[in-house]
N, C-alpha and C. Protein backbone atom coordinates (compact mmCIF):
# COMPACT_ATOMS: atom_id res chain seq x y z
N MET A 1 7.19 -0.65 -3.23
CA MET A 1 5.76 -0.95 -3.33
C MET A 1 5.41 -2.19 -2.51
N LYS A 2 6.32 -3.15 -2.49
CA LYS A 2 6.09 -4.38 -1.74
C LYS A 2 5.95 -4.09 -0.26
N LYS A 3 6.79 -3.17 0.25
CA LYS A 3 6.72 -2.81 1.67
C LYS A 3 5.40 -2.12 1.99
N ILE A 4 4.95 -1.26 1.07
CA ILE A 4 3.68 -0.55 1.28
C ILE A 4 2.52 -1.54 1.36
N LEU A 5 2.49 -2.49 0.43
CA LEU A 5 1.43 -3.50 0.43
C LEU A 5 1.50 -4.38 1.68
N SER A 6 2.72 -4.64 2.15
CA SER A 6 2.88 -5.42 3.38
C SER A 6 2.31 -4.65 4.57
N PHE A 7 2.50 -3.34 4.55
CA PHE A 7 1.97 -2.52 5.63
C PHE A 7 0.44 -2.49 5.58
N VAL A 8 -0.12 -2.39 4.38
CA VAL A 8 -1.58 -2.41 4.23
C VAL A 8 -2.13 -3.72 4.80
N LYS A 9 -1.46 -4.82 4.49
CA LYS A 9 -1.88 -6.13 5.01
C LYS A 9 -1.79 -6.14 6.53
N LEU A 10 -0.75 -5.52 7.07
CA LEU A 10 -0.57 -5.45 8.52
C LEU A 10 -1.70 -4.68 9.18
N ASP A 11 -2.15 -3.60 8.55
CA ASP A 11 -3.27 -2.82 9.09
C ASP A 11 -4.56 -3.64 9.09
N PHE A 12 -4.77 -4.41 8.02
CA PHE A 12 -5.96 -5.27 7.97
C PHE A 12 -5.91 -6.31 9.09
N MET A 13 -4.73 -6.85 9.36
CA MET A 13 -4.59 -7.82 10.44
C MET A 13 -4.85 -7.17 11.78
N THR A 14 -4.51 -5.89 11.89
CA THR A 14 -4.70 -5.16 13.15
C THR A 14 -6.17 -5.03 13.51
N ILE A 15 -7.03 -4.78 12.51
CA ILE A 15 -8.45 -4.57 12.81
C ILE A 15 -9.28 -5.84 12.67
N ARG A 16 -8.65 -6.93 12.24
CA ARG A 16 -9.42 -8.17 12.03
C ARG A 16 -10.21 -8.60 13.26
N PRO A 17 -9.66 -8.48 14.48
CA PRO A 17 -10.44 -8.89 15.66
C PRO A 17 -11.73 -8.09 15.84
N TYR A 18 -11.80 -6.91 15.23
CA TYR A 18 -12.99 -6.06 15.39
C TYR A 18 -14.02 -6.29 14.28
N LEU A 19 -13.63 -7.03 13.26
CA LEU A 19 -14.55 -7.34 12.16
C LEU A 19 -15.29 -8.63 12.49
N THR A 20 -16.25 -8.53 13.40
CA THR A 20 -16.94 -9.70 13.92
C THR A 20 -18.36 -9.81 13.36
N ILE A 21 -18.93 -10.99 13.50
CA ILE A 21 -20.32 -11.22 13.10
C ILE A 21 -21.25 -10.33 13.92
N LYS A 22 -20.90 -10.14 15.19
CA LYS A 22 -21.71 -9.29 16.07
C LYS A 22 -21.81 -7.88 15.52
N ASN A 23 -20.67 -7.32 15.09
CA ASN A 23 -20.67 -5.97 14.54
C ASN A 23 -21.46 -5.91 13.23
N LEU A 24 -21.36 -6.97 12.43
CA LEU A 24 -22.11 -7.01 11.17
C LEU A 24 -23.61 -7.04 11.44
N ILE A 25 -24.02 -7.78 12.47
CA ILE A 25 -25.44 -7.85 12.83
C ILE A 25 -25.93 -6.47 13.28
N VAL A 26 -25.09 -5.76 14.04
CA VAL A 26 -25.44 -4.41 14.49
C VAL A 26 -25.65 -3.50 13.28
N ILE A 27 -24.72 -3.57 12.32
CA ILE A 27 -24.82 -2.75 11.11
C ILE A 27 -26.10 -3.07 10.35
N LEU A 28 -26.40 -4.37 10.19
CA LEU A 28 -27.60 -4.79 9.47
C LEU A 28 -28.86 -4.32 10.19
N ALA A 29 -28.86 -4.41 11.52
CA ALA A 29 -30.03 -4.00 12.30
C ALA A 29 -30.28 -2.51 12.16
N VAL A 30 -29.22 -1.71 12.31
CA VAL A 30 -29.36 -0.26 12.20
C VAL A 30 -29.77 0.13 10.78
N ALA A 31 -29.17 -0.52 9.79
CA ALA A 31 -29.50 -0.24 8.39
C ALA A 31 -30.96 -0.53 8.10
N THR A 32 -31.47 -1.63 8.65
CA THR A 32 -32.87 -2.00 8.44
C THR A 32 -33.81 -0.97 9.07
N VAL A 33 -33.51 -0.55 10.29
CA VAL A 33 -34.33 0.45 10.98
C VAL A 33 -34.36 1.75 10.19
N LEU A 34 -33.19 2.19 9.71
CA LEU A 34 -33.12 3.43 8.94
C LEU A 34 -33.87 3.32 7.62
N ALA A 35 -33.76 2.17 6.97
CA ALA A 35 -34.46 1.96 5.70
C ALA A 35 -35.97 1.97 5.89
N VAL A 36 -36.44 1.33 6.95
CA VAL A 36 -37.88 1.27 7.22
C VAL A 36 -38.40 2.66 7.59
N ALA A 37 -37.65 3.36 8.46
CA ALA A 37 -38.09 4.68 8.92
C ALA A 37 -38.11 5.70 7.78
N GLY A 38 -37.09 5.66 6.92
CA GLY A 38 -37.00 6.64 5.85
C GLY A 38 -37.57 6.18 4.53
N LYS A 39 -38.00 4.90 4.50
CA LYS A 39 -38.52 4.31 3.26
C LYS A 39 -37.54 4.51 2.09
N SER A 40 -36.25 4.38 2.42
CA SER A 40 -35.19 4.56 1.43
C SER A 40 -33.99 3.73 1.85
N VAL A 41 -33.23 3.26 0.87
CA VAL A 41 -32.02 2.48 1.17
C VAL A 41 -30.76 3.34 1.03
N ILE A 42 -30.94 4.64 0.86
CA ILE A 42 -29.79 5.53 0.71
C ILE A 42 -29.10 5.78 2.04
N THR A 43 -29.90 6.02 3.09
CA THR A 43 -29.33 6.30 4.42
C THR A 43 -28.43 5.16 4.92
N PRO A 44 -28.83 3.89 4.77
CA PRO A 44 -27.92 2.81 5.19
C PRO A 44 -26.55 2.86 4.51
N MET A 45 -26.51 3.37 3.28
CA MET A 45 -25.22 3.48 2.59
C MET A 45 -24.27 4.40 3.34
N SER A 46 -24.77 5.58 3.72
CA SER A 46 -23.93 6.53 4.44
C SER A 46 -23.56 5.99 5.81
N MET A 47 -24.47 5.20 6.42
CA MET A 47 -24.20 4.64 7.74
C MET A 47 -23.01 3.67 7.70
N VAL A 48 -22.95 2.84 6.65
CA VAL A 48 -21.86 1.88 6.52
C VAL A 48 -20.52 2.61 6.40
N ILE A 49 -20.47 3.66 5.58
CA ILE A 49 -19.23 4.42 5.41
C ILE A 49 -18.87 5.17 6.70
N ALA A 50 -19.89 5.54 7.47
CA ALA A 50 -19.62 6.18 8.77
C ALA A 50 -18.92 5.18 9.70
N PHE A 51 -19.35 3.92 9.66
CA PHE A 51 -18.69 2.88 10.44
C PHE A 51 -17.24 2.71 9.98
N VAL A 52 -17.02 2.76 8.67
CA VAL A 52 -15.66 2.66 8.13
C VAL A 52 -14.79 3.79 8.68
N THR A 53 -15.35 5.00 8.76
CA THR A 53 -14.61 6.15 9.27
C THR A 53 -14.17 5.91 10.71
N ILE A 54 -15.01 5.23 11.48
CA ILE A 54 -14.64 4.89 12.86
C ILE A 54 -13.50 3.88 12.86
N TYR A 55 -13.59 2.89 11.97
CA TYR A 55 -12.54 1.86 11.90
C TYR A 55 -11.19 2.43 11.49
N ILE A 56 -11.19 3.56 10.77
CA ILE A 56 -9.94 4.16 10.30
C ILE A 56 -9.01 4.48 11.47
N SER A 57 -9.58 4.80 12.62
CA SER A 57 -8.76 5.19 13.77
C SER A 57 -8.19 3.98 14.53
N TYR A 58 -8.71 2.79 14.28
CA TYR A 58 -8.32 1.62 15.06
C TYR A 58 -6.83 1.28 14.99
N PRO A 59 -6.21 1.29 13.80
CA PRO A 59 -4.76 0.99 13.77
C PRO A 59 -3.93 1.97 14.60
N PHE A 60 -4.36 3.23 14.64
CA PHE A 60 -3.65 4.21 15.46
C PHE A 60 -3.79 3.86 16.94
N ALA A 61 -5.01 3.47 17.34
CA ALA A 61 -5.25 3.12 18.74
C ALA A 61 -4.46 1.88 19.14
N VAL A 62 -4.54 0.83 18.32
CA VAL A 62 -3.83 -0.41 18.61
C VAL A 62 -2.32 -0.19 18.60
N GLY A 63 -1.85 0.59 17.62
CA GLY A 63 -0.42 0.87 17.52
C GLY A 63 0.11 1.60 18.74
N GLU A 64 -0.67 2.55 19.25
CA GLU A 64 -0.22 3.32 20.41
C GLU A 64 -0.28 2.48 21.68
N GLN A 65 -1.33 1.69 21.84
CA GLN A 65 -1.49 0.87 23.03
C GLN A 65 -0.40 -0.19 23.14
N ASN A 66 0.08 -0.68 22.02
CA ASN A 66 1.06 -1.78 22.02
C ASN A 66 2.47 -1.32 21.63
N GLY A 67 2.64 -0.01 21.47
CA GLY A 67 3.97 0.52 21.12
C GLY A 67 4.49 0.01 19.80
N ILE A 68 3.60 -0.08 18.80
CA ILE A 68 3.98 -0.66 17.51
C ILE A 68 4.76 0.32 16.63
N ASP A 69 4.45 1.61 16.74
CA ASP A 69 5.08 2.59 15.85
C ASP A 69 6.60 2.51 15.83
N PRO A 70 7.28 2.47 16.99
CA PRO A 70 8.75 2.37 16.94
C PRO A 70 9.24 1.08 16.29
N LEU A 71 8.39 0.04 16.30
CA LEU A 71 8.80 -1.25 15.74
C LEU A 71 8.78 -1.25 14.22
N TYR A 72 8.06 -0.29 13.63
CA TYR A 72 8.00 -0.25 12.17
C TYR A 72 9.40 -0.10 11.57
N ILE A 73 10.22 0.73 12.21
CA ILE A 73 11.59 0.94 11.73
C ILE A 73 12.38 -0.36 11.82
N THR A 74 12.16 -1.10 12.92
CA THR A 74 12.84 -2.39 13.10
C THR A 74 12.45 -3.37 11.99
N LEU A 75 11.20 -3.25 11.55
CA LEU A 75 10.71 -4.12 10.48
C LEU A 75 11.11 -3.64 9.09
N GLY A 76 11.86 -2.54 9.04
CA GLY A 76 12.31 -2.01 7.75
C GLY A 76 11.29 -1.13 7.06
N LEU A 77 10.31 -0.63 7.83
CA LEU A 77 9.29 0.25 7.27
C LEU A 77 9.56 1.69 7.69
N ASP A 78 9.99 2.52 6.73
CA ASP A 78 10.24 3.92 7.08
C ASP A 78 8.92 4.66 7.23
N ARG A 79 9.00 5.90 7.68
CA ARG A 79 7.78 6.66 8.01
C ARG A 79 6.96 7.00 6.77
N ASP A 80 7.60 7.24 5.66
CA ASP A 80 6.86 7.51 4.42
C ASP A 80 6.04 6.29 4.00
N THR A 81 6.62 5.12 4.19
CA THR A 81 5.91 3.88 3.86
C THR A 81 4.69 3.71 4.75
N VAL A 82 4.84 4.04 6.03
CA VAL A 82 3.73 3.93 6.98
C VAL A 82 2.58 4.83 6.56
N VAL A 83 2.90 6.09 6.23
CA VAL A 83 1.86 7.04 5.83
C VAL A 83 1.18 6.60 4.54
N THR A 84 1.98 6.26 3.54
CA THR A 84 1.42 5.84 2.25
C THR A 84 0.56 4.59 2.41
N GLY A 85 1.07 3.64 3.17
CA GLY A 85 0.32 2.40 3.39
C GLY A 85 -1.00 2.64 4.09
N ARG A 86 -1.00 3.54 5.06
CA ARG A 86 -2.26 3.79 5.79
C ARG A 86 -3.28 4.50 4.91
N TYR A 87 -2.84 5.37 4.04
CA TYR A 87 -3.77 6.03 3.12
C TYR A 87 -4.35 5.01 2.12
N LEU A 88 -3.51 4.10 1.64
CA LEU A 88 -4.01 3.07 0.74
C LEU A 88 -4.97 2.13 1.47
N TRP A 89 -4.65 1.83 2.73
CA TRP A 89 -5.53 0.99 3.53
C TRP A 89 -6.88 1.67 3.74
N ALA A 90 -6.86 2.98 4.01
CA ALA A 90 -8.10 3.73 4.19
C ALA A 90 -8.93 3.70 2.90
N LEU A 91 -8.26 3.85 1.76
CA LEU A 91 -8.95 3.79 0.47
C LEU A 91 -9.59 2.41 0.26
N ALA A 92 -8.83 1.38 0.57
CA ALA A 92 -9.35 0.01 0.42
C ALA A 92 -10.54 -0.23 1.34
N MET A 93 -10.48 0.32 2.55
CA MET A 93 -11.59 0.18 3.50
C MET A 93 -12.84 0.88 2.97
N ASN A 94 -12.66 2.05 2.38
CA ASN A 94 -13.80 2.79 1.83
C ASN A 94 -14.44 2.03 0.67
N ILE A 95 -13.60 1.47 -0.20
CA ILE A 95 -14.12 0.70 -1.32
C ILE A 95 -14.89 -0.52 -0.82
N ALA A 96 -14.31 -1.21 0.18
CA ALA A 96 -14.99 -2.37 0.77
C ALA A 96 -16.31 -1.94 1.41
N GLY A 97 -16.30 -0.76 2.07
CA GLY A 97 -17.51 -0.24 2.69
C GLY A 97 -18.59 0.06 1.66
N LEU A 98 -18.18 0.63 0.53
CA LEU A 98 -19.14 0.92 -0.54
C LEU A 98 -19.76 -0.36 -1.09
N ILE A 99 -18.92 -1.38 -1.29
CA ILE A 99 -19.43 -2.66 -1.80
C ILE A 99 -20.42 -3.26 -0.80
N LEU A 100 -20.05 -3.24 0.49
CA LEU A 100 -20.94 -3.77 1.52
C LEU A 100 -22.24 -2.99 1.58
N SER A 101 -22.16 -1.67 1.45
CA SER A 101 -23.36 -0.83 1.52
C SER A 101 -24.30 -1.12 0.34
N VAL A 102 -23.72 -1.37 -0.84
CA VAL A 102 -24.54 -1.71 -2.00
C VAL A 102 -25.24 -3.05 -1.80
N VAL A 103 -24.50 -4.03 -1.27
CA VAL A 103 -25.08 -5.36 -1.02
C VAL A 103 -26.22 -5.26 -0.01
N ILE A 104 -25.97 -4.51 1.10
CA ILE A 104 -27.00 -4.36 2.13
C ILE A 104 -28.21 -3.62 1.58
N SER A 105 -27.96 -2.54 0.85
CA SER A 105 -29.06 -1.74 0.30
C SER A 105 -29.88 -2.53 -0.71
N PHE A 106 -29.20 -3.29 -1.55
CA PHE A 106 -29.91 -4.11 -2.54
C PHE A 106 -30.75 -5.17 -1.84
N GLY A 107 -30.19 -5.79 -0.80
CA GLY A 107 -30.93 -6.80 -0.05
C GLY A 107 -32.16 -6.20 0.62
N LEU A 108 -31.99 -5.00 1.22
CA LEU A 108 -33.11 -4.34 1.88
C LEU A 108 -34.19 -3.93 0.87
N SER A 109 -33.74 -3.52 -0.32
CA SER A 109 -34.71 -3.12 -1.35
C SER A 109 -35.59 -4.29 -1.76
N LEU A 110 -35.01 -5.50 -1.79
CA LEU A 110 -35.78 -6.69 -2.15
C LEU A 110 -36.71 -7.10 -1.02
N VAL A 111 -36.19 -7.09 0.21
CA VAL A 111 -36.99 -7.53 1.36
C VAL A 111 -38.11 -6.56 1.67
N LEU A 112 -37.78 -5.25 1.62
CA LEU A 112 -38.76 -4.22 2.00
C LEU A 112 -39.52 -3.66 0.81
N ASP A 113 -39.21 -4.17 -0.38
CA ASP A 113 -39.88 -3.72 -1.61
C ASP A 113 -39.73 -2.21 -1.80
N ILE A 114 -38.48 -1.75 -1.66
CA ILE A 114 -38.17 -0.33 -1.87
C ILE A 114 -37.39 -0.22 -3.18
N PRO A 115 -37.90 0.51 -4.16
CA PRO A 115 -37.23 0.59 -5.46
C PRO A 115 -35.90 1.35 -5.39
N ILE A 116 -34.97 0.97 -6.24
CA ILE A 116 -33.68 1.65 -6.34
C ILE A 116 -33.52 2.19 -7.76
N VAL A 117 -33.23 3.48 -7.86
CA VAL A 117 -32.89 4.09 -9.14
C VAL A 117 -31.37 4.12 -9.21
N TRP A 118 -30.80 3.22 -9.99
CA TRP A 118 -29.35 2.99 -9.93
C TRP A 118 -28.54 4.19 -10.41
N SER A 119 -29.07 4.98 -11.35
CA SER A 119 -28.32 6.15 -11.82
C SER A 119 -28.17 7.17 -10.69
N GLU A 120 -29.26 7.39 -9.95
CA GLU A 120 -29.21 8.31 -8.81
C GLU A 120 -28.39 7.72 -7.68
N THR A 121 -28.53 6.42 -7.47
CA THR A 121 -27.81 5.76 -6.39
C THR A 121 -26.30 5.83 -6.60
N ALA A 122 -25.86 5.66 -7.84
CA ALA A 122 -24.43 5.72 -8.15
C ALA A 122 -23.87 7.11 -7.83
N LEU A 123 -24.61 8.15 -8.18
CA LEU A 123 -24.17 9.52 -7.90
C LEU A 123 -24.13 9.77 -6.40
N ILE A 124 -25.14 9.26 -5.69
CA ILE A 124 -25.19 9.43 -4.23
C ILE A 124 -24.03 8.67 -3.57
N MET A 125 -23.74 7.47 -4.08
CA MET A 125 -22.61 6.70 -3.55
C MET A 125 -21.30 7.44 -3.73
N LEU A 126 -21.12 8.04 -4.90
CA LEU A 126 -19.90 8.81 -5.16
C LEU A 126 -19.81 10.00 -4.20
N THR A 127 -20.93 10.67 -3.98
CA THR A 127 -20.96 11.82 -3.08
C THR A 127 -20.63 11.39 -1.65
N ILE A 128 -21.21 10.27 -1.21
CA ILE A 128 -20.94 9.75 0.14
C ILE A 128 -19.46 9.41 0.29
N PHE A 129 -18.92 8.74 -0.73
CA PHE A 129 -17.50 8.37 -0.69
C PHE A 129 -16.61 9.60 -0.59
N LEU A 130 -16.88 10.61 -1.42
CA LEU A 130 -16.06 11.82 -1.41
C LEU A 130 -16.17 12.55 -0.08
N LEU A 131 -17.39 12.65 0.45
CA LEU A 131 -17.60 13.38 1.69
C LEU A 131 -16.89 12.72 2.87
N PHE A 132 -17.11 11.42 3.04
CA PHE A 132 -16.51 10.74 4.20
C PHE A 132 -15.01 10.57 4.04
N SER A 133 -14.51 10.40 2.82
CA SER A 133 -13.06 10.31 2.65
C SER A 133 -12.40 11.65 2.91
N LEU A 134 -13.11 12.75 2.64
CA LEU A 134 -12.60 14.08 2.99
C LEU A 134 -12.53 14.23 4.50
N ILE A 135 -13.54 13.74 5.20
CA ILE A 135 -13.53 13.77 6.67
C ILE A 135 -12.34 12.97 7.18
N GLN A 136 -12.13 11.79 6.61
CA GLN A 136 -10.98 10.96 7.00
C GLN A 136 -9.67 11.66 6.66
N GLY A 137 -9.67 12.37 5.52
CA GLY A 137 -8.48 13.11 5.11
C GLY A 137 -8.13 14.22 6.08
N MET A 138 -9.13 14.77 6.76
CA MET A 138 -8.87 15.78 7.80
C MET A 138 -8.42 15.13 9.10
N GLN A 139 -8.88 13.90 9.36
CA GLN A 139 -8.55 13.22 10.60
C GLN A 139 -7.14 12.62 10.58
N LEU A 140 -6.75 12.02 9.47
CA LEU A 140 -5.48 11.29 9.40
C LEU A 140 -4.27 12.13 9.79
N PRO A 141 -4.10 13.35 9.26
CA PRO A 141 -2.94 14.14 9.68
C PRO A 141 -2.91 14.40 11.18
N ILE A 142 -4.10 14.56 11.79
CA ILE A 142 -4.17 14.79 13.23
C ILE A 142 -3.67 13.57 13.98
N TYR A 143 -4.09 12.38 13.55
CA TYR A 143 -3.63 11.15 14.19
C TYR A 143 -2.12 10.96 14.02
N PHE A 144 -1.62 11.25 12.83
CA PHE A 144 -0.18 11.11 12.60
C PHE A 144 0.63 12.11 13.41
N LYS A 145 0.08 13.27 13.65
CA LYS A 145 0.82 14.30 14.38
C LYS A 145 0.79 14.08 15.89
N LEU A 146 -0.40 13.74 16.42
CA LEU A 146 -0.58 13.70 17.86
C LEU A 146 -0.64 12.30 18.45
N GLY A 147 -0.90 11.29 17.63
CA GLY A 147 -1.14 9.97 18.17
C GLY A 147 -2.61 9.84 18.55
N TYR A 148 -3.07 8.61 18.77
CA TYR A 148 -4.50 8.37 18.96
C TYR A 148 -5.05 9.06 20.21
N THR A 149 -4.38 8.88 21.36
CA THR A 149 -4.92 9.38 22.63
C THR A 149 -5.12 10.88 22.60
N ARG A 150 -4.14 11.62 22.11
CA ARG A 150 -4.24 13.08 22.08
C ARG A 150 -5.13 13.57 20.95
N ALA A 151 -5.24 12.77 19.90
CA ALA A 151 -5.96 13.23 18.71
C ALA A 151 -7.44 12.89 18.72
N LYS A 152 -7.87 11.91 19.52
CA LYS A 152 -9.24 11.42 19.42
C LYS A 152 -10.28 12.51 19.72
N SER A 153 -9.92 13.48 20.58
CA SER A 153 -10.86 14.57 20.85
C SER A 153 -10.97 15.50 19.65
N PHE A 154 -9.84 15.72 18.98
CA PHE A 154 -9.84 16.61 17.81
C PHE A 154 -10.43 15.93 16.57
N ALA A 155 -10.50 14.60 16.59
CA ALA A 155 -10.97 13.86 15.41
C ALA A 155 -12.43 14.15 15.09
N TYR A 156 -13.17 14.67 16.07
CA TYR A 156 -14.57 15.00 15.82
C TYR A 156 -14.73 16.36 15.13
N LEU A 157 -13.66 17.15 15.10
CA LEU A 157 -13.74 18.48 14.50
C LEU A 157 -14.19 18.46 13.04
N PRO A 158 -13.70 17.52 12.20
CA PRO A 158 -14.17 17.51 10.81
C PRO A 158 -15.68 17.36 10.68
N PHE A 159 -16.29 16.52 11.55
CA PHE A 159 -17.75 16.37 11.52
C PHE A 159 -18.43 17.69 11.86
N ILE A 160 -17.87 18.39 12.87
CA ILE A 160 -18.43 19.68 13.27
C ILE A 160 -18.26 20.70 12.14
N MET A 161 -17.09 20.69 11.51
CA MET A 161 -16.83 21.63 10.42
C MET A 161 -17.78 21.40 9.26
N ILE A 162 -17.98 20.13 8.89
CA ILE A 162 -18.90 19.80 7.80
C ILE A 162 -20.31 20.26 8.14
N SER A 163 -20.72 20.03 9.39
CA SER A 163 -22.07 20.44 9.83
C SER A 163 -22.23 21.95 9.74
N ILE A 164 -21.19 22.68 10.17
CA ILE A 164 -21.25 24.15 10.12
C ILE A 164 -21.34 24.63 8.67
N ILE A 165 -20.54 24.01 7.80
CA ILE A 165 -20.55 24.39 6.38
C ILE A 165 -21.94 24.16 5.78
N VAL A 166 -22.55 23.01 6.11
CA VAL A 166 -23.88 22.70 5.59
C VAL A 166 -24.89 23.74 6.08
N ILE A 167 -24.82 24.09 7.37
CA ILE A 167 -25.75 25.08 7.93
C ILE A 167 -25.57 26.43 7.26
N VAL A 168 -24.31 26.84 7.07
CA VAL A 168 -24.02 28.13 6.43
C VAL A 168 -24.54 28.14 5.00
N VAL A 169 -24.30 27.04 4.27
CA VAL A 169 -24.76 26.96 2.88
C VAL A 169 -26.28 27.03 2.80
N ILE A 170 -26.95 26.33 3.73
CA ILE A 170 -28.42 26.35 3.75
C ILE A 170 -28.93 27.77 4.03
N ASN A 171 -28.32 28.44 5.00
CA ASN A 171 -28.75 29.80 5.34
C ASN A 171 -28.49 30.77 4.19
N LEU A 172 -27.34 30.62 3.53
CA LEU A 172 -27.05 31.47 2.37
C LEU A 172 -28.03 31.18 1.23
N GLY A 173 -28.39 29.91 1.10
CA GLY A 173 -29.32 29.54 0.05
C GLY A 173 -30.69 30.19 0.23
N LYS A 174 -31.06 30.40 1.49
CA LYS A 174 -32.36 31.03 1.75
C LYS A 174 -32.39 32.49 1.30
N ARG A 175 -31.20 33.10 1.24
CA ARG A 175 -31.13 34.52 0.85
C ARG A 175 -31.03 34.70 -0.66
N ILE A 176 -30.74 33.61 -1.35
CA ILE A 176 -30.60 33.69 -2.81
C ILE A 176 -31.97 33.46 -3.45
N PRO A 177 -32.34 34.27 -4.42
CA PRO A 177 -33.63 34.09 -5.11
C PRO A 177 -33.77 32.68 -5.66
N VAL A 178 -34.99 32.15 -5.55
CA VAL A 178 -35.26 30.78 -5.97
C VAL A 178 -34.92 30.54 -7.43
N ASP A 179 -35.18 31.54 -8.29
CA ASP A 179 -34.92 31.36 -9.72
C ASP A 179 -33.45 31.17 -10.01
N LYS A 180 -32.59 31.86 -9.23
CA LYS A 180 -31.15 31.70 -9.42
C LYS A 180 -30.70 30.31 -8.99
N ILE A 181 -31.26 29.82 -7.87
CA ILE A 181 -30.92 28.48 -7.41
C ILE A 181 -31.36 27.44 -8.44
N ASN A 182 -32.55 27.65 -8.99
CA ASN A 182 -33.06 26.71 -10.00
C ASN A 182 -32.17 26.69 -11.24
N ARG A 183 -31.67 27.88 -11.64
CA ARG A 183 -30.78 27.93 -12.81
C ARG A 183 -29.49 27.16 -12.56
N VAL A 184 -28.96 27.30 -11.32
CA VAL A 184 -27.74 26.57 -10.97
C VAL A 184 -28.00 25.07 -11.01
N LEU A 185 -29.12 24.64 -10.42
CA LEU A 185 -29.45 23.21 -10.39
C LEU A 185 -29.65 22.66 -11.79
N VAL A 186 -30.29 23.45 -12.65
CA VAL A 186 -30.50 23.03 -14.04
C VAL A 186 -29.17 22.86 -14.76
N ASN A 187 -28.26 23.81 -14.54
CA ASN A 187 -26.93 23.72 -15.17
C ASN A 187 -26.17 22.49 -14.68
N LEU A 188 -26.32 22.18 -13.38
CA LEU A 188 -25.65 21.00 -12.84
C LEU A 188 -26.23 19.73 -13.47
N GLU A 189 -27.54 19.70 -13.65
CA GLU A 189 -28.19 18.53 -14.26
C GLU A 189 -27.79 18.37 -15.72
N ARG A 190 -27.60 19.50 -16.40
CA ARG A 190 -27.22 19.44 -17.81
C ARG A 190 -25.76 19.08 -18.01
N ASN A 191 -24.94 19.33 -16.99
CA ASN A 191 -23.50 19.04 -17.11
C ASN A 191 -23.03 18.16 -15.95
N PRO A 192 -23.61 16.97 -15.80
CA PRO A 192 -23.21 16.11 -14.67
C PRO A 192 -21.75 15.70 -14.74
N GLY A 193 -21.25 15.51 -15.98
CA GLY A 193 -19.84 15.12 -16.12
C GLY A 193 -18.91 16.18 -15.59
N LEU A 194 -19.18 17.45 -15.94
CA LEU A 194 -18.35 18.56 -15.47
C LEU A 194 -18.42 18.69 -13.96
N THR A 195 -19.63 18.51 -13.40
CA THR A 195 -19.81 18.59 -11.95
C THR A 195 -18.99 17.53 -11.24
N ILE A 196 -19.02 16.31 -11.79
CA ILE A 196 -18.26 15.21 -11.18
C ILE A 196 -16.76 15.47 -11.28
N ILE A 197 -16.31 15.97 -12.43
CA ILE A 197 -14.87 16.25 -12.62
C ILE A 197 -14.39 17.31 -11.64
N VAL A 198 -15.17 18.39 -11.51
CA VAL A 198 -14.80 19.46 -10.57
C VAL A 198 -14.75 18.92 -9.14
N GLY A 199 -15.76 18.11 -8.78
CA GLY A 199 -15.80 17.52 -7.45
C GLY A 199 -14.60 16.62 -7.19
N LEU A 200 -14.24 15.82 -8.18
CA LEU A 200 -13.08 14.92 -8.04
C LEU A 200 -11.77 15.70 -7.93
N LEU A 201 -11.66 16.80 -8.67
CA LEU A 201 -10.45 17.62 -8.60
C LEU A 201 -10.30 18.25 -7.21
N ILE A 202 -11.41 18.76 -6.67
CA ILE A 202 -11.38 19.33 -5.33
C ILE A 202 -11.01 18.26 -4.31
N TRP A 203 -11.61 17.07 -4.47
CA TRP A 203 -11.31 15.96 -3.56
C TRP A 203 -9.83 15.56 -3.65
N ALA A 204 -9.32 15.45 -4.88
CA ALA A 204 -7.92 15.05 -5.08
C ALA A 204 -6.97 16.06 -4.47
N GLY A 205 -7.28 17.35 -4.63
CA GLY A 205 -6.43 18.39 -4.04
C GLY A 205 -6.43 18.33 -2.53
N ALA A 206 -7.61 18.14 -1.94
CA ALA A 206 -7.72 18.06 -0.48
C ALA A 206 -6.99 16.84 0.06
N MET A 207 -7.12 15.69 -0.62
CA MET A 207 -6.46 14.48 -0.16
C MET A 207 -4.94 14.57 -0.33
N ALA A 208 -4.49 15.25 -1.39
CA ALA A 208 -3.05 15.45 -1.58
C ALA A 208 -2.48 16.29 -0.45
N LEU A 209 -3.21 17.35 -0.08
CA LEU A 209 -2.78 18.20 1.04
C LEU A 209 -2.75 17.41 2.34
N SER A 210 -3.77 16.58 2.54
CA SER A 210 -3.82 15.73 3.73
C SER A 210 -2.62 14.80 3.79
N TYR A 211 -2.29 14.19 2.66
CA TYR A 211 -1.16 13.25 2.59
C TYR A 211 0.16 13.95 2.87
N ILE A 212 0.34 15.14 2.31
CA ILE A 212 1.58 15.91 2.51
C ILE A 212 1.73 16.28 3.98
N LEU A 213 0.64 16.74 4.60
CA LEU A 213 0.69 17.12 6.02
C LEU A 213 0.99 15.90 6.89
N SER A 214 0.38 14.77 6.57
CA SER A 214 0.62 13.55 7.35
C SER A 214 2.08 13.14 7.29
N LYS A 215 2.67 13.16 6.10
CA LYS A 215 4.09 12.80 5.95
C LYS A 215 4.98 13.76 6.73
N ARG A 216 4.68 15.05 6.62
CA ARG A 216 5.51 16.06 7.28
C ARG A 216 5.42 15.95 8.80
N TRP A 217 4.21 15.79 9.32
CA TRP A 217 4.02 15.75 10.77
C TRP A 217 4.50 14.44 11.37
N TYR A 218 4.29 13.34 10.65
CA TYR A 218 4.71 12.04 11.17
C TYR A 218 6.24 11.93 11.18
N ALA A 219 6.89 12.60 10.22
CA ALA A 219 8.35 12.59 10.16
C ALA A 219 8.96 13.30 11.37
N LYS A 220 8.23 14.27 11.92
CA LYS A 220 8.73 15.05 13.05
C LYS A 220 8.31 14.50 14.41
N ARG A 221 7.42 13.53 14.37
CA ARG A 221 6.88 13.00 15.63
C ARG A 221 7.88 12.12 16.35
N GLU A 222 7.94 12.31 17.68
CA GLU A 222 8.84 11.52 18.51
C GLU A 222 8.05 10.45 19.24
N PHE A 223 8.66 9.25 19.35
CA PHE A 223 7.99 8.15 20.04
C PHE A 223 8.65 7.90 21.39
């Protein structure tokens, strides 16, 4: 466990040069524009996690550019430790992103006088976290298998897949009678706990599969 935590710390050190005041100002500026345009502080939340998703690829890029991967073995870090550490690092980044998004959204709500319904916001935050972490879960095995340079083109596929799924669901929804859709929505509202549990189970299964694939592919990768 100590080695895994050391690796997580190493990943944070890797991206530290990119965590600048300039980037924070850019995030704040874009968040403000989105909040004003949409008269809502929800969109800035998803934007912050989207930035986190971009940062997830940075250790792979830096590692490949500087030939760090072969050095992990020299440092006593086996490949399983590398994979586990990077997944924990990604989780920590997402949590930090959620905290930052809440702070930014709360600040914007005060400055722009936009009300926040915290019960709805909490559910939306959970949905954003699950959605973007699933996207990251699809990207990570690709990076571990191919390396950053070869994988960066494929890393956009999860976004395309999610977009296609959303379009298909919307089109299917148009063919379903409105009363049936309303009944489903009512059932979801009446059983929010069950809905959250099912969503978390699906997320946990997908992330477990992602982790297994990453370990398997990274173990076979040659440097």
